[in-house]
Amino acid sequence: MRTALRIAPAPRQRRTHPAPVRRSVRADPRWPQIVAALQELRDAHRHAVRIVDADCACGTLLIEVARHARVMGFTAIEGRGIDGSPALIGRARAAAARLHDPAIGLAFDMIDLRTALLQEAEAPADLLLWHGARPADATGMAPLLAAAATRVIADAERTA
């Protein structure tokens, strides 16, 4: 009796080119700074990153940053999105649920921004993405933002 020799398929190669990034995210003025900050962390031999997106809306930017960090080689990515709109947080949670990567953990919270930043100050994040409606200095948020993360990345037009 002859038996057939089964040849196992070759293991899948890990994708080495960047994941496609949504056009709206590439157009965000913070995107180049975010990519540079992630690269600095990788150059420092970091494998884990923690990112907070203050005023995250429907979570698109935070999700894309997490996906990009994964492609860059981060093996543990923790992200927290903060917004005051229940509808937007619901959309962000639904989008995050579609991610099926155990290295990425995202949470989206409907909470007052000041309260959330005070919570973050207890264990500051690596990156905090700020897209406030007014400059942080004018709202008194600058000290809270600075305490909540090692590096704050804000809209270029918002920093003045």
Protein backbone atom coordinates (compact mmCIF):
# COMPACT_ATOMS: atom_id res chain seq x y z
CA MET A 1 0.00 0.00 0.00
CA ARG A 2 1.32 3.37 -1.00
CA THR A 3 0.85 6.41 1.14
CA ALA A 4 0.85 9.90 -0.15
CA LEU A 5 3.42 12.27 1.20
CA ARG A 6 1.78 15.44 2.49
CA ILE A 7 3.75 18.59 2.12
CA ALA A 8 2.86 21.28 4.58
CA PRO A 9 2.34 24.74 3.15
CA ALA A 10 5.15 27.19 3.70
CA PRO A 11 4.65 29.46 6.70
CA ARG A 12 3.19 32.83 5.83
CA GLN A 13 5.73 35.56 5.54
CA ARG A 14 5.17 38.53 7.81
CA ARG A 15 4.22 41.57 5.80
CA THR A 16 7.19 43.92 5.61
CA HIS A 17 5.57 46.79 3.77
CA PRO A 18 3.45 49.27 5.68
CA ALA A 19 -0.24 48.63 6.06
CA PRO A 20 -2.36 50.86 3.86
CA VAL A 21 -3.24 54.03 5.70
CA ARG A 22 -6.55 55.78 5.22
CA ARG A 23 -6.35 58.97 3.21
CA SER A 24 -7.96 60.98 6.03
CA VAL A 25 -5.23 59.84 8.43
CA ARG A 26 -2.42 60.67 6.00
CA ALA A 27 -3.95 64.14 5.67
CA ASP A 28 -3.89 64.68 9.43
CA PRO A 29 -1.18 67.27 10.18
CA ARG A 30 0.04 65.14 13.09
CA TRP A 31 0.73 62.00 11.04
CA PRO A 32 4.40 62.75 10.19
CA GLN A 33 5.12 63.58 13.84
CA ILE A 34 3.40 60.40 14.99
CA VAL A 35 5.42 58.23 12.60
CA ALA A 36 8.64 59.98 13.67
CA ALA A 37 7.83 59.48 17.37
CA LEU A 38 7.12 55.78 16.83
CA GLN A 39 10.37 55.42 14.92
CA GLU A 40 12.28 57.07 17.77
CA LEU A 41 10.80 54.54 20.18
CA ARG A 42 11.74 51.65 17.89
CA ASP A 43 15.27 53.08 17.48
CA ALA A 44 15.48 53.00 21.29
CA HIS A 45 14.70 49.24 21.07
CA ARG A 46 11.21 49.61 22.49
CA HIS A 47 8.75 46.82 21.72
CA ALA A 48 5.76 48.21 23.60
CA VAL A 49 4.01 51.54 23.20
CA ARG A 50 1.11 53.25 24.96
CA ILE A 51 -0.87 55.87 23.08
CA VAL A 52 -3.69 58.14 24.25
CA ASP A 53 -5.89 60.01 21.79
CA ALA A 54 -7.61 62.89 23.56
CA ASP A 55 -10.74 63.96 21.69
CA CYS A 56 -10.57 60.81 19.54
CA ALA A 57 -13.97 61.15 17.82
CA CYS A 58 -14.71 57.82 16.07
CA GLY A 59 -11.20 56.46 16.74
CA THR A 60 -9.88 56.37 13.18
CA LEU A 61 -6.54 58.00 13.97
CA LEU A 62 -5.82 55.89 17.06
CA ILE A 63 -6.69 52.68 15.22
CA GLU A 64 -4.46 53.57 12.28
CA VAL A 65 -1.60 54.57 14.59
CA ALA A 66 -1.91 51.23 16.38
CA ARG A 67 -1.90 49.34 13.08
CA HIS A 68 1.11 51.31 11.87
CA ALA A 69 2.96 50.64 15.13
CA ARG A 70 2.32 46.93 14.67
CA VAL A 71 3.75 46.99 11.15
CA MET A 72 6.80 48.82 12.52
CA GLY A 73 7.45 45.85 14.80
CA PHE A 74 5.89 46.81 18.11
CA THR A 75 4.67 43.66 19.84
CA ALA A 76 2.48 45.29 22.50
CA ILE A 77 0.38 48.30 21.59
CA GLU A 78 -2.02 49.78 24.10
CA GLY A 79 -4.27 52.64 23.08
CA ARG A 80 -6.92 54.69 24.83
CA GLY A 81 -9.33 56.98 23.05
CA ILE A 82 -11.18 59.64 25.01
CA ASP A 83 -14.23 61.55 23.82
CA GLY A 84 -17.40 62.98 25.28
CA SER A 85 -19.78 61.80 22.57
CA PRO A 86 -21.54 58.47 23.18
CA ALA A 87 -22.27 58.05 19.47
CA LEU A 88 -18.64 58.56 18.44
CA ILE A 89 -17.33 56.29 21.21
CA GLY A 90 -19.79 53.62 20.06
CA ARG A 91 -18.45 53.85 16.51
CA ALA A 92 -14.86 53.73 17.78
CA ARG A 93 -15.55 50.63 19.87
CA ALA A 94 -17.21 48.92 16.90
CA ALA A 95 -14.22 49.71 14.67
CA ALA A 96 -11.77 48.48 17.31
CA ALA A 97 -13.71 45.23 17.64
CA ARG A 98 -12.94 44.52 13.98
CA LEU A 99 -9.21 44.47 14.72
CA HIS A 100 -8.08 40.91 15.23
CA ASP A 101 -4.52 41.35 16.41
CA PRO A 102 -3.66 40.16 19.92
CA ALA A 103 -0.76 42.63 20.07
CA ILE A 104 -3.17 45.59 19.87
CA GLY A 105 -5.39 46.50 22.78
CA LEU A 106 -7.65 49.51 22.38
CA ALA A 107 -10.14 51.05 24.80
CA PHE A 108 -12.47 53.93 24.05
CA ASP A 109 -13.92 55.81 26.99
CA MET A 110 -16.65 58.41 27.22
CA ILE A 111 -15.27 60.51 30.03
CA ASP A 112 -14.55 64.12 30.86
CA LEU A 113 -11.19 65.04 29.32
CA ARG A 114 -9.76 66.63 32.46
CA THR A 115 -10.64 63.57 34.54
CA ALA A 116 -9.13 61.22 31.96
CA LEU A 117 -5.89 63.23 31.74
CA LEU A 118 -5.57 63.20 35.53
CA GLN A 119 -5.94 59.40 35.40
CA GLU A 120 -3.30 59.17 32.69
CA ALA A 121 -0.85 61.26 34.74
CA GLU A 122 -0.62 58.37 37.23
CA ALA A 123 1.16 56.26 34.55
CA PRO A 124 1.97 58.56 31.62
CA ALA A 125 1.58 57.27 28.08
CA ASP A 126 4.38 57.35 25.52
CA LEU A 127 2.35 59.47 23.10
CA LEU A 128 -0.67 61.69 23.58
CA LEU A 129 -2.49 62.90 20.48
CA TRP A 130 -4.19 66.26 21.01
CA HIS A 131 -6.75 67.70 18.62
CA GLY A 132 -8.39 70.25 20.85
CA ALA A 133 -10.77 72.88 19.57
CA ARG A 134 -8.67 75.63 21.16
CA PRO A 135 -4.99 75.87 22.04
CA ALA A 136 -4.09 73.98 25.21
CA ASP A 137 -2.66 77.08 26.89
CA ALA A 138 -5.89 79.04 26.41
CA THR A 139 -7.98 76.27 27.99
CA GLY A 140 -5.61 75.55 30.86
CA MET A 141 -5.09 72.02 29.55
CA ALA A 142 -1.36 72.33 28.82
CA PRO A 143 -0.16 71.11 32.27
CA LEU A 144 -2.61 68.20 32.23
CA LEU A 145 -1.52 67.18 28.73
CA ALA A 146 2.16 67.38 29.64
CA ALA A 147 1.66 65.24 32.76
CA ALA A 148 -0.37 62.60 30.89
CA ALA A 149 2.34 61.58 28.42
CA THR A 150 6.03 61.64 27.69
CA ARG A 151 5.35 63.27 24.33
CA VAL A 152 2.32 65.34 23.25
CA ILE A 153 1.63 65.60 19.53
CA ALA A 154 -0.77 68.41 18.70
CA ASP A 155 -2.15 69.90 15.53
CA ALA A 156 0.36 72.36 14.11
CA GLU A 157 -2.22 75.15 13.91
CA ARG A 158 -3.36 74.44 17.47
CA THR A 159 0.03 74.83 19.14
CA ALA A 160 0.26 78.59 18.68
